[in-house]
Amino acid sequence: MSKLMLPFHEHPMTISNLYNHACDFCPGRPKPGTIFFCEECDLDLHKGCAGKFLNNSSRCNHSLKIFQGRFGQFGEDDDYQCHYCQQNVGFHFARCTICNISIDEKCLRNPPPLTIFQPKHHKHSLFLLGRLVAFTCNACGVEGDRNPYICIECNLMLHKECTDLPRVISINRHEHRISHTFHLGKGEGVWECGVCRKTIDCVYGAFICSRCPSSYAVHSRCATRKEVWDGIELEDVPEEDEELEDPFKVINEKGDIVHFSHEEHVLRLDVNYVHDNDTMCCGGCILPINDDPCYKCVECDFCLHKGCASLPRKKAHFLHNHKISLRAHKDDVYVDKCGACKTYSNGFKYECHDKSSCRGNIKYDIRCSSISEPFHHDDLHPHPLYWTLEETKQCKACGTEILKPLSCLVCEYALCIRCATLPKKVKHRCDDHFLSLCHDAGNSSGDLWCDICETKTDPSVCYYTCDKCGVSLHINCVLGDLYYTKVGRVYPGLEVLPNNGATRPFCNSCKVRCKFSFLMKQTLGDLVRYFCSIRCIPRAR
């Protein structure tokens, strides 16, 4: 075996024909043939693959060299990303030392096209510029320094991923279709993105709604996020007005209705309805009726808040990139977890039925799916909140780190969905009055103690308090995880009961008395067991 220096590598390479070997720059199993290999950096190269480097076949028209991925060998400014796909290069990669660009083995084997022509997106051909150059993409307005496609006729420069942006799409933040343009124009006032709420530079491209007089626009990258767009191109697809089915039908002059969730009986509106006991709740959101206007069944104890009865059967919502449909299970024996706040409920749900991508498993309770932008929570924060798809932030109400919070654009305030949908007033056996949600951000003097669990209450997070009695109670101690579940049977052998007896039963799992407002009773033949929460049930862990 002989050694020789080849122009594409910094170390001497050995030539061998004696064994099968895999190649670092082509896929597949080891195969016979001439192999160049480097003993210093463990590089293996088929003779045919070496010819690509010897024949100067790079897109920048310079000779490429093979290097080993040693961080820092090209200076601190090198980020070791492939010039074309912008992914981190592997252990071995090719590099043009003149243009100062790296190319991984995948893009070396299948380089991007030199020319792109998409007449629906742009009337001229786009050419790949195979060198580092600072530019701002005319399609999305994001700065870059590599892999641009340029239009010589229009002087456009585009990121590779922006060369095939969809022309017309529908997103979950707007009721109309939006279309892409390379130039917003000055317009009136400042353009604000309908997703991230940040300013849009009108010189560059974005998606715009032509039907809205308020000039609705969205950043190109915000509009095409998977959380916002369903991935369907709608250009040349006729736009048809969708007929939405009403949630109820008015049947007489009194305003009595038949709701789709309770078709067997008539519901009658009562603005002064007083429920018979503390367990009477709305069949939709499972919250107590309290003093809110509601529809009451004239034949049974079913009732619905007026607002819950009017919820649309189908709608777009920022929580999901497909339209979601309202579903009410006629059988209450159906408890599942909300995909947004992660609480258990057997009330109404909005569900996605796109089985091709979501498999029909996406469900949101109506409390979460009724949040709209801007979201106002007068009890907790004075500014409006938006679902801006921010990175991880700390929820100011519970103190936990969360992804995609409801964020304030004025200050650093953020709320998770669970805290945003907490009931503002509740009843608990420890106090005769309504408890209200409170957050004083640690301004209270002295220690606060929860009267339910008899431990300290953290004043830096939200808690429930009585304005008349001054008690402070942990939110979890007041609600537990059964608060949004109807009283009654929820599974065979399992039923939810109010925890309002003279004595509180012991939880069979955690071995302490059940402290929450509701508990579960399990009956297995003659055996009766109690659980203070869903998490305490062995099968639910």
Protein backbone atom coordinates (compact mmCIF):
# COMPACT_ATOMS: atom_id res chain seq x y z
CA MET A 1 0.00 0.00 0.00
CA SER A 2 1.32 3.41 -1.00
CA LYS A 3 0.67 6.83 0.51
CA LEU A 4 0.22 10.05 -1.39
CA MET A 5 -0.93 13.61 -0.82
CA LEU A 6 -4.17 14.50 -2.58
CA PRO A 7 -5.26 18.13 -3.11
CA PHE A 8 -8.56 17.68 -1.29
CA HIS A 9 -7.16 16.52 2.06
CA GLU A 10 -4.59 17.80 4.52
CA HIS A 11 -3.12 14.37 5.46
CA PRO A 12 -1.46 11.69 3.32
CA MET A 13 -3.90 9.01 2.20
CA THR A 14 -3.37 5.30 1.65
CA ILE A 15 -4.73 3.52 -1.43
CA SER A 16 -5.99 -0.03 -1.03
CA ASN A 17 -7.84 -2.60 -3.14
CA LEU A 18 -7.68 -5.46 -0.67
CA TYR A 19 -10.96 -5.25 1.27
CA ASN A 20 -14.55 -4.06 1.25
CA HIS A 21 -15.13 -0.81 3.05
CA ALA A 22 -17.83 1.79 3.59
CA CYS A 23 -17.34 5.37 2.40
CA ASP A 24 -17.89 8.50 4.50
CA PHE A 25 -19.36 10.38 1.53
CA CYS A 26 -21.80 7.92 0.05
CA PRO A 27 -24.52 5.69 1.50
CA GLY A 28 -24.82 1.94 1.35
CA ARG A 29 -23.03 -1.15 2.53
CA PRO A 30 -19.28 -1.76 2.16
CA LYS A 31 -18.38 -2.71 -1.40
CA PRO A 32 -15.21 -3.82 -3.18
CA GLY A 33 -13.05 -1.36 -5.09
CA THR A 34 -10.32 1.17 -4.59
CA ILE A 35 -10.43 2.98 -1.26
CA PHE A 36 -8.57 6.09 -0.14
CA PHE A 37 -8.25 6.19 3.63
CA CYS A 38 -6.57 8.47 6.11
CA GLU A 39 -5.11 6.90 9.23
CA GLU A 40 -4.90 10.21 11.11
CA CYS A 41 -8.59 11.21 10.95
CA ASP A 42 -10.20 7.86 10.06
CA LEU A 43 -11.49 9.06 6.68
CA ASP A 44 -12.60 6.46 4.11
CA LEU A 45 -13.33 7.50 0.54
CA HIS A 46 -14.24 5.48 -2.56
CA LYS A 47 -12.20 6.28 -5.63
CA GLY A 48 -15.36 7.42 -7.43
CA CYS A 49 -16.25 9.79 -4.60
CA ALA A 50 -12.71 11.16 -4.54
CA GLY A 51 -13.12 12.01 -8.22
CA LYS A 52 -15.81 14.55 -7.32
CA PHE A 53 -13.23 16.52 -5.39
CA LEU A 54 -10.47 16.06 -8.00
CA ASN A 55 -12.76 17.24 -10.82
CA ASN A 56 -13.62 20.53 -9.04
CA SER A 57 -17.38 19.98 -9.19
CA SER A 58 -18.46 22.36 -6.42
CA ARG A 59 -21.19 24.93 -6.98
CA CYS A 60 -18.86 27.80 -6.11
CA ASN A 61 -16.38 26.71 -8.83
CA HIS A 62 -13.55 26.29 -6.35
CA SER A 63 -11.75 23.18 -5.20
CA LEU A 64 -13.20 21.57 -2.08
CA LYS A 65 -11.21 19.99 0.71
CA ILE A 66 -12.24 17.35 3.22
CA PHE A 67 -11.91 18.18 6.89
CA GLN A 68 -12.59 16.53 10.18
CA GLY A 69 -15.05 18.25 12.54
CA ARG A 70 -12.62 19.83 15.00
CA PHE A 71 -14.27 22.84 16.57
CA GLY A 72 -12.35 26.10 16.23
CA GLN A 73 -10.05 25.13 13.37
CA PHE A 74 -11.56 27.79 11.07
CA GLY A 75 -11.91 30.55 13.66
CA GLU A 76 -14.53 31.57 16.18
CA ASP A 77 -16.97 32.90 13.59
CA ASP A 78 -17.44 29.54 11.89
CA ASP A 79 -20.61 27.81 13.04
CA TYR A 80 -20.05 24.46 11.33
CA GLN A 81 -23.33 24.51 9.49
CA CYS A 82 -23.82 23.26 5.97
CA HIS A 83 -24.09 26.18 3.56
CA TYR A 84 -27.05 24.62 1.79
CA CYS A 85 -29.22 22.81 4.33
CA GLN A 86 -27.98 24.82 7.36
CA GLN A 87 -27.72 21.67 9.46
CA ASN A 88 -24.66 20.89 11.53
CA VAL A 89 -22.06 19.07 9.47
CA GLY A 90 -20.98 15.55 10.41
CA PHE A 91 -17.62 14.22 11.53
CA HIS A 92 -16.25 14.63 8.01
CA PHE A 93 -17.34 17.39 5.66
CA ALA A 94 -16.23 19.27 2.57
CA ARG A 95 -15.20 22.90 2.68
CA CYS A 96 -14.31 25.67 0.27
CA THR A 97 -11.55 27.62 1.96
CA ILE A 98 -11.92 30.50 -0.52
CA CYS A 99 -15.66 31.11 0.00
CA ASN A 100 -15.39 30.00 3.64
CA ILE A 101 -18.39 27.62 3.41
CA SER A 102 -18.90 24.05 4.58
CA ILE A 103 -20.94 21.34 2.85
CA ASP A 104 -22.12 18.12 4.49
CA GLU A 105 -22.04 14.79 2.71
CA LYS A 106 -25.79 14.79 2.04
CA CYS A 107 -25.74 18.12 0.15
CA LEU A 108 -22.50 17.19 -1.56
CA ARG A 109 -24.24 14.07 -2.89
CA ASN A 110 -27.54 15.82 -3.75
CA PRO A 111 -26.87 19.56 -4.05
CA PRO A 112 -29.77 22.01 -4.35
CA PRO A 113 -30.76 23.07 -7.89
CA LEU A 114 -28.87 25.94 -9.47
CA THR A 115 -32.06 27.38 -10.94
CA ILE A 116 -35.65 27.47 -9.69
CA PHE A 117 -38.60 28.58 -11.77
CA GLN A 118 -42.01 28.76 -10.09
CA PRO A 119 -44.25 31.03 -12.17
CA LYS A 120 -47.06 31.02 -9.58
CA HIS A 121 -44.70 32.36 -6.93
CA HIS A 122 -42.45 34.58 -9.07
CA LYS A 123 -42.44 35.30 -12.79
CA HIS A 124 -38.64 35.10 -13.19
CA SER A 125 -36.10 32.36 -12.62
CA LEU A 126 -34.16 32.29 -9.36
CA PHE A 127 -30.46 31.42 -9.31
CA LEU A 128 -28.50 29.91 -6.42
CA LEU A 129 -25.68 32.07 -5.13
CA GLY A 130 -22.98 29.67 -3.94
CA ARG A 131 -21.08 31.93 -1.55
CA LEU A 132 -21.46 33.70 1.78
CA VAL A 133 -23.18 37.04 1.39
CA ALA A 134 -25.13 39.14 3.90
CA PHE A 135 -28.71 39.75 2.77
CA THR A 136 -32.28 40.20 3.95
CA CYS A 137 -34.79 37.82 2.42
CA ASN A 138 -37.41 39.69 0.40
CA ALA A 139 -40.02 37.01 1.12
CA CYS A 140 -39.82 36.84 4.92
CA GLY A 141 -37.69 39.84 5.98
CA VAL A 142 -35.24 37.68 7.96
CA GLU A 143 -31.52 38.33 7.63
CA GLY A 144 -29.13 35.62 6.44
CA ASP A 145 -25.66 35.10 5.04
CA ARG A 146 -25.85 31.84 3.11
CA ASN A 147 -27.70 29.85 0.50
CA PRO A 148 -29.66 32.72 -1.14
CA TYR A 149 -31.55 32.42 -4.39
CA ILE A 150 -31.50 35.64 -6.41
CA CYS A 151 -33.64 37.10 -9.17
CA ILE A 152 -31.47 39.09 -11.56
CA GLU A 153 -34.50 40.84 -13.08
CA CYS A 154 -36.06 42.07 -9.82
CA ASN A 155 -33.01 42.11 -7.56
CA LEU A 156 -34.77 39.78 -5.10
CA MET A 157 -32.83 37.59 -2.67
CA LEU A 158 -34.60 34.68 -0.96
CA HIS A 159 -33.79 32.01 1.58
CA LYS A 160 -33.98 28.55 0.04
CA GLU A 161 -36.99 27.66 2.25
CA CYS A 162 -38.79 30.81 1.06
CA THR A 163 -38.60 29.90 -2.62
CA ASP A 164 -41.59 27.59 -2.24
CA LEU A 165 -43.73 29.58 0.19
CA PRO A 166 -47.45 28.91 -0.35
CA ARG A 167 -49.39 31.60 -2.18
CA VAL A 168 -52.76 31.36 -0.43
CA ILE A 169 -53.41 29.76 2.97
CA SER A 170 -55.84 29.72 5.86
CA ILE A 171 -54.52 30.14 9.41
CA ASN A 172 -56.09 29.65 12.82
CA ARG A 173 -55.73 33.33 13.79
CA HIS A 174 -57.94 34.83 11.11
CA GLU A 175 -61.34 34.13 9.62
CA HIS A 176 -60.34 34.88 6.00
CA ARG A 177 -57.73 33.45 3.70
CA ILE A 178 -54.42 35.30 3.47
CA SER A 179 -52.06 35.51 0.49
CA HIS A 180 -48.33 36.15 0.18
CA THR A 181 -46.89 39.33 -1.26
CA PHE A 182 -43.26 40.41 -1.70
CA HIS A 183 -44.03 44.01 -0.79
CA LEU A 184 -46.62 45.19 1.72
CA GLY A 185 -46.41 48.83 0.76
CA LYS A 186 -46.68 51.74 3.14
CA GLY A 187 -50.37 51.39 3.92
CA GLU A 188 -51.79 53.34 6.86
CA GLY A 189 -50.06 53.28 10.22
CA VAL A 190 -47.78 50.51 11.43
CA TRP A 191 -48.19 46.91 10.29
CA GLU A 192 -48.50 44.49 13.21
CA CYS A 193 -48.17 40.74 12.80
CA GLY A 194 -51.40 38.93 13.65
CA VAL A 195 -49.46 36.08 15.28
CA CYS A 196 -46.40 37.42 17.13
CA ARG A 197 -47.79 40.99 17.44
CA LYS A 198 -44.43 42.47 16.46
CA THR A 199 -43.96 45.12 13.78
CA ILE A 200 -43.75 44.03 10.13
CA ASP A 201 -41.27 45.85 7.88
CA CYS A 202 -43.42 46.89 4.93
CA VAL A 203 -40.41 46.76 2.55
CA TYR A 204 -40.33 42.96 2.73
CA GLY A 205 -42.82 40.18 2.12
CA ALA A 206 -45.63 38.93 4.34
CA PHE A 207 -49.07 37.37 4.18
CA ILE A 208 -51.95 39.81 3.91
CA CYS A 209 -55.75 39.65 3.99
CA SER A 210 -57.37 41.55 1.15
CA ARG A 211 -60.86 41.46 2.69
CA CYS A 212 -60.15 43.20 5.98
CA PRO A 213 -60.39 46.99 5.98
CA SER A 214 -58.00 47.07 8.96
CA SER A 215 -55.25 45.58 6.77
CA TYR A 216 -54.50 42.31 8.53
CA ALA A 217 -50.98 40.98 7.92
CA VAL A 218 -48.71 38.22 9.25
CA HIS A 219 -44.97 37.61 9.01
CA SER A 220 -44.22 34.94 6.40
CA ARG A 221 -42.52 32.68 8.95
CA CYS A 222 -45.24 33.22 11.57
CA ALA A 223 -48.01 32.35 9.10
CA THR A 224 -46.35 29.09 8.02
CA ARG A 225 -45.56 27.76 11.51
CA LYS A 226 -47.03 24.34 12.16
CA GLU A 227 -48.95 25.72 15.15
CA VAL A 228 -50.68 28.26 12.89
CA TRP A 229 -51.09 26.73 9.40
CA ASP A 230 -52.50 23.34 8.48
CA GLY A 231 -49.99 22.93 5.63
CA ILE A 232 -52.58 23.14 2.82
CA GLU A 233 -52.01 25.41 -0.19
CA LEU A 234 -55.34 26.99 -1.24
CA GLU A 235 -54.40 28.77 -4.45
CA ASP A 236 -56.86 27.85 -7.23
CA VAL A 237 -59.11 26.19 -4.61
CA PRO A 238 -62.57 27.84 -4.74
CA GLU A 239 -63.54 29.57 -1.52
CA GLU A 240 -66.98 28.48 -0.43
CA ASP A 241 -68.95 29.89 2.47
CA GLU A 242 -69.20 27.16 5.07
CA GLU A 243 -72.66 26.62 6.49
CA LEU A 244 -72.33 26.42 10.24
CA GLU A 245 -74.89 24.42 12.13
CA ASP A 246 -76.56 26.30 14.97
CA PRO A 247 -76.01 24.87 18.47
CA PHE A 248 -79.72 25.10 19.29
CA LYS A 249 -83.14 25.79 17.77
CA VAL A 250 -85.68 28.22 19.17
CA ILE A 251 -89.03 26.37 19.26
CA ASN A 252 -91.55 28.97 20.51
CA GLU A 253 -92.17 32.64 21.24
CA LYS A 254 -91.05 32.21 24.85
CA GLY A 255 -87.51 31.59 23.64
CA ASP A 256 -87.41 27.94 24.68
CA ILE A 257 -84.73 26.00 22.87
CA VAL A 258 -83.67 22.47 21.99
CA HIS A 259 -79.90 22.18 22.32
CA PHE A 260 -77.96 19.60 20.32
CA SER A 261 -76.48 18.21 23.54
CA HIS A 262 -79.91 17.60 25.12
CA GLU A 263 -82.27 17.01 22.23
CA GLU A 264 -84.72 14.91 24.25
CA HIS A 265 -85.93 17.82 26.38
CA VAL A 266 -86.67 21.54 26.13
CA LEU A 267 -84.46 24.14 27.80
CA ARG A 268 -85.83 27.40 29.17
CA LEU A 269 -83.83 30.55 29.92
CA ASP A 270 -83.91 31.79 33.51
CA VAL A 271 -81.80 34.84 34.33
CA ASN A 272 -82.61 34.58 38.03
CA TYR A 273 -82.19 30.84 38.42
CA VAL A 274 -81.13 29.70 41.88
CA HIS A 275 -79.77 26.16 41.99
CA ASP A 276 -80.92 23.68 44.59
CA ASN A 277 -77.50 22.75 45.93
CA ASP A 278 -73.80 23.47 45.54
CA THR A 279 -73.29 20.51 43.21
CA MET A 280 -75.54 21.88 40.45
CA CYS A 281 -73.26 22.79 37.57
CA CYS A 282 -73.35 23.71 33.90
CA GLY A 283 -73.38 20.68 31.63
CA GLY A 284 -70.92 22.38 29.28
CA CYS A 285 -68.11 23.91 31.36
CA ILE A 286 -68.95 21.94 34.59
CA LEU A 287 -68.61 25.14 36.62
CA PRO A 288 -71.29 26.04 39.20
CA ILE A 289 -74.20 28.02 37.84
CA ASN A 290 -73.97 30.62 40.65
CA ASP A 291 -75.97 33.68 39.66
CA ASP A 292 -75.26 33.52 35.92
CA PRO A 293 -78.11 33.34 33.38
CA CYS A 294 -78.70 29.75 32.32
CA TYR A 295 -80.95 27.47 30.34
CA LYS A 296 -82.69 24.95 32.61
CA CYS A 297 -84.31 21.75 31.39
CA VAL A 298 -88.05 21.75 32.07
CA GLU A 299 -88.04 18.01 32.80
CA CYS A 300 -84.70 17.15 34.46
CA ASP A 301 -81.83 18.81 36.29
CA PHE A 302 -79.74 19.51 33.17
CA CYS A 303 -78.72 23.14 32.74
CA LEU A 304 -76.36 25.22 30.63
CA HIS A 305 -74.89 28.67 31.09
CA LYS A 306 -76.34 30.98 28.47
CA GLY A 307 -72.85 31.50 27.05
CA CYS A 308 -72.13 27.76 26.90
CA ALA A 309 -75.42 27.09 25.12
CA SER A 310 -74.45 29.58 22.38
CA LEU A 311 -71.00 28.17 21.60
CA PRO A 312 -70.50 27.55 17.85
CA ARG A 313 -70.49 23.96 16.61
CA LYS A 314 -67.27 24.54 14.67
CA LYS A 315 -64.59 27.20 14.75
CA ALA A 316 -60.93 28.08 14.23
CA HIS A 317 -58.87 28.62 17.36
CA PHE A 318 -55.26 29.55 18.08
CA LEU A 319 -54.78 26.37 20.12
CA HIS A 320 -54.86 24.18 17.01
CA ASN A 321 -54.01 24.52 13.32
CA HIS A 322 -57.20 22.76 12.13
CA LYS A 323 -60.78 23.76 12.72
CA ILE A 324 -62.23 22.13 15.83
CA SER A 325 -65.77 20.86 16.36
CA LEU A 326 -67.88 21.01 19.50
CA ARG A 327 -68.85 17.64 20.91
CA ALA A 328 -71.07 16.82 23.85
CA HIS A 329 -71.08 13.22 25.01
CA LYS A 330 -74.58 12.15 25.93
CA ASP A 331 -73.14 9.65 28.38
CA ASP A 332 -71.39 11.38 31.27
CA VAL A 333 -69.20 8.31 31.75
CA TYR A 334 -66.48 9.93 29.70
CA VAL A 335 -63.67 11.73 31.55
CA ASP A 336 -60.58 12.81 29.61
CA LYS A 337 -57.82 15.35 29.77
CA CYS A 338 -57.84 18.73 28.05
CA GLY A 339 -54.97 19.10 25.59
CA ALA A 340 -54.29 22.69 26.72
CA CYS A 341 -54.70 22.95 30.51
CA LYS A 342 -54.25 19.19 31.20
CA THR A 343 -57.21 19.08 33.60
CA TYR A 344 -59.80 16.28 33.62
CA SER A 345 -63.40 16.93 32.64
CA ASN A 346 -66.49 15.26 31.24
CA GLY A 347 -68.08 18.44 29.93
CA PHE A 348 -68.23 19.72 26.35
CA LYS A 349 -65.07 19.41 24.28
CA TYR A 350 -63.81 20.92 21.08
CA GLU A 351 -62.16 18.15 19.07
CA CYS A 352 -60.14 17.87 15.88
CA HIS A 353 -61.35 15.20 13.49
CA ASP A 354 -58.47 15.40 11.02
CA LYS A 355 -57.33 11.80 11.40
CA SER A 356 -54.67 12.14 8.71
CA SER A 357 -52.41 14.31 10.88
CA CYS A 358 -53.99 14.52 14.34
CA ARG A 359 -55.49 11.01 14.50
CA GLY A 360 -58.62 12.50 16.04
CA ASN A 361 -57.00 12.70 19.49
CA ILE A 362 -56.89 16.49 19.97
CA LYS A 363 -59.43 17.71 22.55
CA TYR A 364 -59.88 21.00 24.38
CA ASP A 365 -62.46 21.77 27.03
CA ILE A 366 -64.68 24.76 26.34
CA ARG A 367 -63.03 26.90 28.99
CA CYS A 368 -59.70 26.82 27.14
CA SER A 369 -61.18 26.96 23.66
CA SER A 370 -63.26 30.03 24.60
CA ILE A 371 -60.15 32.14 25.20
CA SER A 372 -59.76 34.72 22.46
CA GLU A 373 -57.16 37.34 21.60
CA PRO A 374 -56.64 39.81 23.11
CA PHE A 375 -57.27 38.00 26.39
CA HIS A 376 -58.20 40.20 29.35
CA HIS A 377 -57.92 39.01 32.93
CA ASP A 378 -58.96 42.01 35.00
CA ASP A 379 -58.34 40.27 38.31
CA LEU A 380 -54.70 39.40 37.58
CA HIS A 381 -53.22 41.81 35.03
CA PRO A 382 -54.15 45.22 33.57
CA HIS A 383 -52.75 44.61 30.06
CA PRO A 384 -54.11 42.36 27.29
CA LEU A 385 -52.41 39.00 26.73
CA TYR A 386 -51.66 37.24 23.44
CA TRP A 387 -50.78 33.68 22.42
CA THR A 388 -47.51 34.75 20.84
CA LEU A 389 -45.75 31.36 20.68
CA GLU A 390 -42.90 32.69 22.80
CA GLU A 391 -40.17 30.52 24.18
CA THR A 392 -40.35 29.19 27.74
CA LYS A 393 -41.59 31.74 30.26
CA GLN A 394 -42.58 31.60 33.90
CA CYS A 395 -46.29 31.75 34.63
CA LYS A 396 -46.79 34.59 37.08
CA ALA A 397 -49.84 32.90 38.58
CA CYS A 398 -48.40 29.48 39.46
CA GLY A 399 -44.64 30.00 39.08
CA THR A 400 -44.06 27.10 36.67
CA GLU A 401 -41.96 27.29 33.50
CA ILE A 402 -44.22 26.88 30.48
CA LEU A 403 -44.01 26.74 26.70
CA LYS A 404 -46.27 28.98 24.60
CA PRO A 405 -47.82 31.10 27.34
CA LEU A 406 -50.29 33.92 27.06
CA SER A 407 -47.89 36.86 27.07
CA CYS A 408 -48.12 40.57 27.69
CA LEU A 409 -46.58 42.81 25.04
CA VAL A 410 -46.10 45.70 27.47
CA CYS A 411 -44.27 43.90 30.28
CA GLU A 412 -42.87 40.44 31.07
CA TYR A 413 -46.13 39.08 32.48
CA ALA A 414 -47.23 35.62 31.27
CA LEU A 415 -49.98 33.15 32.13
CA CYS A 416 -50.32 29.46 31.37
CA ILE A 417 -53.63 28.30 29.95
CA ARG A 418 -54.56 26.49 33.17
CA CYS A 419 -54.20 29.63 35.30
CA ALA A 420 -55.90 31.79 32.68
CA THR A 421 -59.03 29.63 32.95
CA LEU A 422 -59.18 29.30 36.75
CA PRO A 423 -62.66 30.13 38.09
CA LYS A 424 -62.68 33.67 39.46
CA LYS A 425 -64.99 32.80 42.32
CA VAL A 426 -65.62 29.47 44.02
CA LYS A 427 -67.33 28.01 47.09
CA HIS A 428 -65.58 25.79 49.63
CA ARG A 429 -66.73 24.22 52.87
CA CYS A 430 -64.04 26.05 54.86
CA ASP A 431 -65.77 29.42 54.34
CA ASP A 432 -69.37 30.61 54.10
CA HIS A 433 -68.60 33.21 51.46
CA PHE A 434 -67.42 33.12 47.88
CA LEU A 435 -63.66 32.82 47.49
CA SER A 436 -62.02 35.04 44.89
CA LEU A 437 -58.79 34.64 42.95
CA CYS A 438 -56.00 36.81 44.34
CA HIS A 439 -52.43 37.67 43.38
CA ASP A 440 -50.54 40.25 45.39
CA ALA A 441 -47.05 39.26 44.11
CA GLY A 442 -45.62 38.93 47.60
CA ASN A 443 -46.87 42.27 48.93
CA SER A 444 -48.59 40.75 51.96
CA SER A 445 -46.95 41.38 55.33
CA GLY A 446 -46.32 38.29 57.44
CA ASP A 447 -46.90 34.64 56.60
CA LEU A 448 -50.07 33.37 54.94
CA TRP A 449 -51.42 29.96 55.87
CA CYS A 450 -53.79 27.70 53.95
CA ASP A 451 -56.71 26.71 56.18
CA ILE A 452 -57.22 23.46 54.27
CA CYS A 453 -53.77 21.83 54.36
CA GLU A 454 -52.45 24.00 57.22
CA THR A 455 -49.20 24.88 55.44
CA LYS A 456 -47.82 28.20 54.24
CA THR A 457 -49.27 29.93 51.18
CA ASP A 458 -46.73 31.41 48.77
CA PRO A 459 -47.86 35.04 48.25
CA SER A 460 -45.81 35.29 45.03
CA VAL A 461 -48.32 33.07 43.21
CA CYS A 462 -52.11 33.07 42.97
CA TYR A 463 -54.33 31.80 45.75
CA TYR A 464 -57.98 31.97 46.75
CA THR A 465 -59.05 34.36 49.48
CA CYS A 466 -62.19 35.59 51.18
CA ASP A 467 -62.48 39.37 51.23
CA LYS A 468 -64.55 39.25 54.41
CA CYS A 469 -62.71 36.59 56.41
CA GLY A 470 -59.18 37.08 55.09
CA VAL A 471 -58.39 33.39 54.58
CA SER A 472 -55.74 32.36 52.03
CA LEU A 473 -56.06 28.97 50.36
CA HIS A 474 -53.91 27.07 47.87
CA ILE A 475 -55.60 26.81 44.48
CA ASN A 476 -55.00 23.06 44.34
CA CYS A 477 -56.42 22.60 47.84
CA VAL A 478 -59.63 24.36 46.81
CA LEU A 479 -60.08 22.73 43.39
CA GLY A 480 -58.22 19.41 43.32
CA ASP A 481 -58.35 17.61 39.96
CA LEU A 482 -62.06 16.65 40.06
CA TYR A 483 -63.46 20.19 40.10
CA TYR A 484 -64.37 20.08 36.40
CA THR A 485 -66.02 16.65 36.60
CA LYS A 486 -69.75 16.17 37.09
CA VAL A 487 -70.99 14.55 40.26
CA GLY A 488 -72.08 11.01 39.48
CA ARG A 489 -70.74 7.89 37.81
CA VAL A 490 -67.72 8.50 35.62
CA TYR A 491 -66.50 4.93 35.03
CA PRO A 492 -67.96 1.53 35.87
CA GLY A 493 -67.53 1.20 39.60
CA LEU A 494 -66.30 4.79 40.00
CA GLU A 495 -68.33 7.86 40.91
CA VAL A 496 -67.54 11.44 41.84
CA LEU A 497 -69.06 12.71 45.09
CA PRO A 498 -69.03 16.09 46.82
CA ASN A 499 -66.81 16.06 49.87
CA ASN A 500 -69.42 17.69 52.11
CA GLY A 501 -70.08 15.01 54.71
CA ALA A 502 -69.78 15.43 58.48
CA THR A 503 -66.44 13.60 58.32
CA ARG A 504 -63.99 13.31 55.47
CA PRO A 505 -63.05 9.78 54.36
CA PHE A 506 -59.46 8.55 54.19
CA CYS A 507 -57.89 8.28 50.72
CA ASN A 508 -57.03 4.64 50.07
CA SER A 509 -53.85 5.71 48.23
CA CYS A 510 -52.23 8.60 50.15
CA LYS A 511 -53.70 7.51 53.53
CA VAL A 512 -54.84 11.00 54.58
CA ARG A 513 -58.32 12.48 54.80
CA CYS A 514 -59.63 13.74 51.49
CA LYS A 515 -59.30 17.54 51.56
CA PHE A 516 -60.58 18.56 48.14
CA SER A 517 -64.13 19.66 47.30
CA PHE A 518 -64.80 16.40 45.44
CA LEU A 519 -63.62 12.82 45.82
CA MET A 520 -63.99 9.49 44.06
CA LYS A 521 -65.73 6.45 45.44
CA GLN A 522 -64.84 3.03 44.04
CA THR A 523 -67.16 0.08 44.54
CA LEU A 524 -65.84 -3.42 43.81
CA GLY A 525 -68.51 -5.83 45.02
CA ASP A 526 -68.65 -5.35 48.80
CA LEU A 527 -65.37 -3.41 48.83
CA VAL A 528 -65.67 0.38 48.96
CA ARG A 529 -62.62 2.61 48.60
CA TYR A 530 -62.18 6.39 48.44
CA PHE A 531 -59.65 8.44 46.51
CA CYS A 532 -59.02 12.14 46.89
CA SER A 533 -57.98 12.67 43.26
CA ILE A 534 -57.68 11.00 39.88
CA ARG A 535 -53.93 10.75 40.41
CA CYS A 536 -54.50 8.59 43.50
CA ILE A 537 -56.37 5.93 41.53
CA PRO A 538 -53.83 3.16 40.72
CA ARG A 539 -54.79 2.89 37.04
CA ALA A 540 -54.55 6.68 36.53
CA ARG A 541 -50.94 6.99 37.68
